[in-house]
């Protein structure tokens, strides 16, 4: 019954947060030179593309998010893409992709997972197969060989050598329920210093929190 709180960051990153009250950490106005999920904002006509980045299905041992619940959220909010990032395996995203196809839904589901490396959690997205190397440098090589993208989730929670991580990933998570407002601001600063794109992460581990953060990015070709 609660209406989403609409927040516009810059010209192209939009977050819909289904909080009973607006989260004070979600900016109420633009932040200047914002970057979209995949590309820097440009003055071109684009097609809005709405989805959720960084969440866990029940394939993660600490998650209770059912596939039926995920599909209900996707249909209710008219989502175009969902990036499921289960711990240590792409199986959750692969199963979700198969279910979406079986239902005939037009929702893009890239293969993705959140891997625990020797320097902390890193998300590999748009990969073709499971990433077997979990030492950070080897994981980067493996993901690049598959044409995937590297995302740095909640950078100030359980990570070491943050600058090294930031220098090698493609996108940095600048809003996370796992971080404080100060840590979120630190993530923004980290992204600026390294010239990286940013994204808002859901990090939901249950259906109840799945739609807390929905991002809208401009569609210019494929999602990647």
Protein backbone atom coordinates (compact mmCIF):
# COMPACT_ATOMS: atom_id res chain seq x y z
CA UNK A 1 0.00 0.00 0.00
CA UNK A 2 2.98 2.31 0.46
CA UNK A 3 4.00 4.24 -2.62
CA UNK A 4 7.63 4.01 -3.71
CA UNK A 5 9.84 6.96 -2.89
CA UNK A 6 11.27 8.24 -6.17
CA UNK A 7 14.82 9.53 -6.13
CA UNK A 8 16.62 10.83 -9.20
CA UNK A 9 20.40 10.82 -9.22
CA UNK A 10 21.85 12.99 -11.95
CA UNK A 11 20.04 12.43 -15.23
CA UNK A 12 19.93 8.69 -15.57
CA UNK A 13 20.02 6.68 -12.35
CA UNK A 14 16.70 6.38 -10.65
CA UNK A 15 15.99 4.49 -7.44
CA UNK A 16 12.59 3.40 -6.26
CA UNK A 17 12.71 2.53 -2.56
CA UNK A 18 9.66 0.89 -1.04
CA UNK A 19 10.25 2.18 2.48
CA UNK A 20 7.37 3.06 4.77
CA UNK A 21 9.31 6.28 5.32
CA UNK A 22 12.07 7.62 3.06
CA UNK A 23 15.49 6.28 4.00
CA UNK A 24 17.59 9.30 4.95
CA UNK A 25 20.56 7.74 3.16
CA UNK A 26 18.79 7.92 -0.21
CA UNK A 27 19.59 11.33 -1.77
CA UNK A 28 16.57 13.53 -2.41
CA UNK A 29 18.22 15.39 -5.27
CA UNK A 30 20.95 14.96 -7.84
CA UNK A 31 24.58 14.46 -6.89
CA UNK A 32 26.18 16.19 -9.86
CA UNK A 33 28.28 14.09 -12.20
CA UNK A 34 26.43 10.85 -11.52
CA UNK A 35 27.01 7.72 -13.52
CA UNK A 36 24.38 5.24 -14.56
CA UNK A 37 24.70 1.53 -13.88
CA UNK A 38 26.66 0.91 -17.06
CA UNK A 39 27.58 4.18 -18.74
CA UNK A 40 28.21 7.83 -17.99
CA UNK A 41 25.11 9.96 -18.50
CA UNK A 42 24.79 11.41 -22.01
CA UNK A 43 22.42 13.86 -23.64
CA UNK A 44 20.75 11.30 -25.89
CA UNK A 45 17.27 9.87 -26.18
CA UNK A 46 17.17 6.61 -24.28
CA UNK A 47 14.67 3.93 -23.29
CA UNK A 48 14.23 3.49 -19.52
CA UNK A 49 15.27 0.05 -18.28
CA UNK A 50 14.23 -0.88 -14.76
CA UNK A 51 15.57 -3.63 -12.53
CA UNK A 52 17.26 -4.84 -9.35
CA UNK A 53 21.01 -5.28 -8.93
CA UNK A 54 22.61 -7.52 -6.29
CA UNK A 55 20.16 -9.79 -4.50
CA UNK A 56 20.14 -13.38 -3.31
CA UNK A 57 17.83 -16.28 -4.07
CA UNK A 58 17.31 -19.26 -1.80
CA UNK A 59 20.37 -20.79 -3.48
CA UNK A 60 22.39 -18.71 -1.00
CA UNK A 61 22.53 -20.47 2.35
CA UNK A 62 21.66 -17.27 4.23
CA UNK A 63 18.75 -16.24 1.96
CA UNK A 64 15.03 -17.03 2.00
CA UNK A 65 14.05 -15.38 -1.28
CA UNK A 66 11.72 -17.75 -3.15
CA UNK A 67 11.64 -17.83 -6.93
CA UNK A 68 7.87 -17.40 -6.91
CA UNK A 69 8.32 -14.27 -4.79
CA UNK A 70 11.01 -12.91 -7.13
CA UNK A 71 8.72 -13.33 -10.16
CA UNK A 72 5.83 -11.65 -8.33
CA UNK A 73 8.03 -8.64 -7.54
CA UNK A 74 9.28 -8.51 -11.13
CA UNK A 75 5.77 -8.52 -12.57
CA UNK A 76 4.35 -6.11 -9.98
CA UNK A 77 7.03 -3.50 -10.68
CA UNK A 78 7.36 -4.10 -14.41
CA UNK A 79 11.04 -4.98 -14.20
CA UNK A 80 13.16 -5.35 -17.33
CA UNK A 81 16.20 -6.97 -15.71
CA UNK A 82 17.30 -8.65 -12.49
CA UNK A 83 20.87 -9.44 -11.44
CA UNK A 84 20.77 -12.28 -8.93
CA UNK A 85 24.11 -12.69 -7.15
CA UNK A 86 24.10 -15.77 -4.99
CA UNK A 87 27.11 -16.59 -2.85
CA UNK A 88 29.73 -18.56 -4.72
CA UNK A 89 27.57 -19.83 -7.58
CA UNK A 90 25.74 -18.74 -10.72
CA UNK A 91 23.18 -21.53 -10.20
CA UNK A 92 20.59 -19.16 -8.70
CA UNK A 93 20.73 -16.76 -11.64
CA UNK A 94 20.68 -19.66 -14.10
CA UNK A 95 17.57 -21.13 -12.47
CA UNK A 96 15.86 -17.72 -12.40
CA UNK A 97 16.68 -17.23 -16.09
CA UNK A 98 15.14 -20.61 -16.91
CA UNK A 99 11.99 -19.83 -14.92
CA UNK A 100 11.59 -16.45 -16.62
CA UNK A 101 11.94 -18.08 -20.03
CA UNK A 102 9.43 -20.80 -19.11
CA UNK A 103 6.91 -18.15 -18.03
CA UNK A 104 7.44 -16.21 -21.23
CA UNK A 105 8.47 -13.06 -19.37
CA UNK A 106 10.55 -10.39 -21.11
CA UNK A 107 13.07 -9.95 -18.27
CA UNK A 108 16.82 -10.04 -18.83
CA UNK A 109 18.64 -12.28 -16.34
CA UNK A 110 22.44 -12.33 -16.78
CA UNK A 111 24.45 -15.09 -15.17
CA UNK A 112 26.05 -13.64 -12.04
CA UNK A 113 27.33 -14.50 -8.56
CA UNK A 114 28.94 -12.89 -5.53
CA UNK A 115 32.28 -14.58 -4.92
CA UNK A 116 34.31 -14.46 -1.74
CA UNK A 117 37.91 -13.68 -2.65
CA UNK A 118 41.02 -13.23 -0.55
CA UNK A 119 40.30 -9.48 -0.59
CA UNK A 120 36.56 -9.64 0.04
CA UNK A 121 33.32 -10.11 -1.90
CA UNK A 122 33.27 -9.34 -5.61
CA UNK A 123 30.33 -9.74 -8.00
CA UNK A 124 30.94 -11.28 -11.41
CA UNK A 125 28.10 -10.51 -13.83
CA UNK A 126 27.43 -11.38 -17.48
CA UNK A 127 29.69 -14.42 -17.25
CA UNK A 128 29.23 -17.53 -19.37
CA UNK A 129 30.08 -20.18 -16.80
CA UNK A 130 31.00 -20.68 -13.16
CA UNK A 131 34.11 -18.82 -12.00
CA UNK A 132 36.37 -21.38 -10.34
CA UNK A 133 39.25 -19.09 -9.38
CA UNK A 134 38.53 -17.20 -6.15
CA UNK A 135 41.84 -15.48 -5.51
CA UNK A 136 41.08 -11.90 -6.54
CA UNK A 137 43.64 -11.45 -9.31
CA UNK A 138 42.82 -14.85 -10.83
CA UNK A 139 39.09 -14.15 -10.57
CA UNK A 140 39.56 -10.87 -12.45
CA UNK A 141 41.42 -12.70 -15.23
CA UNK A 142 38.75 -15.39 -15.45
CA UNK A 143 35.84 -12.93 -15.57
CA UNK A 144 37.55 -10.78 -18.19
CA UNK A 145 38.19 -13.88 -20.33
CA UNK A 146 34.45 -14.56 -20.24
CA UNK A 147 33.57 -10.99 -21.22
CA UNK A 148 31.99 -10.36 -17.82
CA UNK A 149 31.76 -7.29 -15.61
CA UNK A 150 33.14 -6.91 -12.09
CA UNK A 151 31.12 -5.13 -9.41
CA UNK A 152 32.37 -4.16 -5.95
CA UNK A 153 29.53 -4.58 -3.42
CA UNK A 154 29.45 -2.74 -0.04
CA UNK A 155 33.14 -1.83 -0.40
CA UNK A 156 33.61 -0.81 3.23
CA UNK A 157 32.25 -4.06 4.66
CA UNK A 158 34.67 -7.01 4.92
CA UNK A 159 37.13 -5.91 2.24
CA UNK A 160 40.86 -5.31 2.28
CA UNK A 161 43.06 -3.43 -0.20
CA UNK A 162 40.02 -1.40 -1.23
CA UNK A 163 41.92 0.84 -3.64
CA UNK A 164 43.32 -2.19 -5.45
CA UNK A 165 39.84 -3.66 -5.72
CA UNK A 166 38.38 -0.39 -6.95
CA UNK A 167 41.06 -0.01 -9.61
CA UNK A 168 40.16 -3.34 -11.21
CA UNK A 169 36.36 -3.46 -11.04
CA UNK A 170 33.92 -1.83 -13.45
CA UNK A 171 31.26 -0.60 -11.01
CA UNK A 172 31.14 0.30 -7.32
CA UNK A 173 28.09 -0.06 -5.10
CA UNK A 174 27.37 3.33 -3.51
CA UNK A 175 24.20 2.44 -1.64
CA UNK A 176 23.84 -0.73 0.41
CA UNK A 177 21.72 -1.68 3.40
CA UNK A 178 24.89 -3.22 4.80
CA UNK A 179 26.70 0.12 4.91
CA UNK A 180 26.23 3.24 7.00
CA UNK A 181 25.59 6.64 5.42
CA UNK A 182 29.25 7.51 6.02
CA UNK A 183 30.37 4.32 4.28
CA UNK A 184 28.04 5.02 1.36
CA UNK A 185 29.63 8.46 0.97
CA UNK A 186 33.05 6.83 1.15
CA UNK A 187 32.00 4.49 -1.66
CA UNK A 188 30.99 7.48 -3.78
CA UNK A 189 34.33 9.12 -3.14
CA UNK A 190 36.11 5.87 -4.00
CA UNK A 191 34.26 5.68 -7.31
CA UNK A 192 35.13 9.30 -8.15
CA UNK A 193 38.78 8.82 -7.31
CA UNK A 194 39.04 5.77 -9.57
CA UNK A 195 36.72 7.03 -12.31
CA UNK A 196 34.31 4.13 -11.93
CA UNK A 197 30.62 3.76 -12.67
CA UNK A 198 28.29 3.36 -9.71
CA UNK A 199 25.13 1.46 -8.88
CA UNK A 200 22.65 1.09 -6.02
CA UNK A 201 22.43 -2.43 -4.64
CA UNK A 202 19.48 -4.20 -3.05
CA UNK A 203 21.44 -7.01 -1.32
CA UNK A 204 18.06 -8.51 -0.40
CA UNK A 205 18.12 -11.92 1.26
CA UNK A 206 14.33 -12.26 1.43
CA UNK A 207 11.36 -11.35 -0.74
CA UNK A 208 10.26 -8.76 1.80
CA UNK A 209 13.26 -6.57 1.05
CA UNK A 210 13.68 -7.38 -2.64
CA UNK A 211 12.01 -4.23 -3.98
CA UNK A 212 13.63 -1.82 -1.53
CA UNK A 213 15.96 -0.55 -4.24
CA UNK A 214 14.93 -0.60 -7.88
CA UNK A 215 17.17 1.21 -10.34
CA UNK A 216 16.24 2.69 -13.67
CA UNK A 217 18.99 3.10 -16.25
CA UNK A 218 18.97 4.24 -19.88
CA UNK A 219 18.87 1.35 -22.35
CA UNK A 220 21.44 1.87 -25.11
CA UNK A 221 21.87 -1.48 -26.81
CA UNK A 222 22.24 -4.53 -24.59
CA UNK A 223 22.15 -4.28 -20.80
CA UNK A 224 25.84 -5.01 -20.37
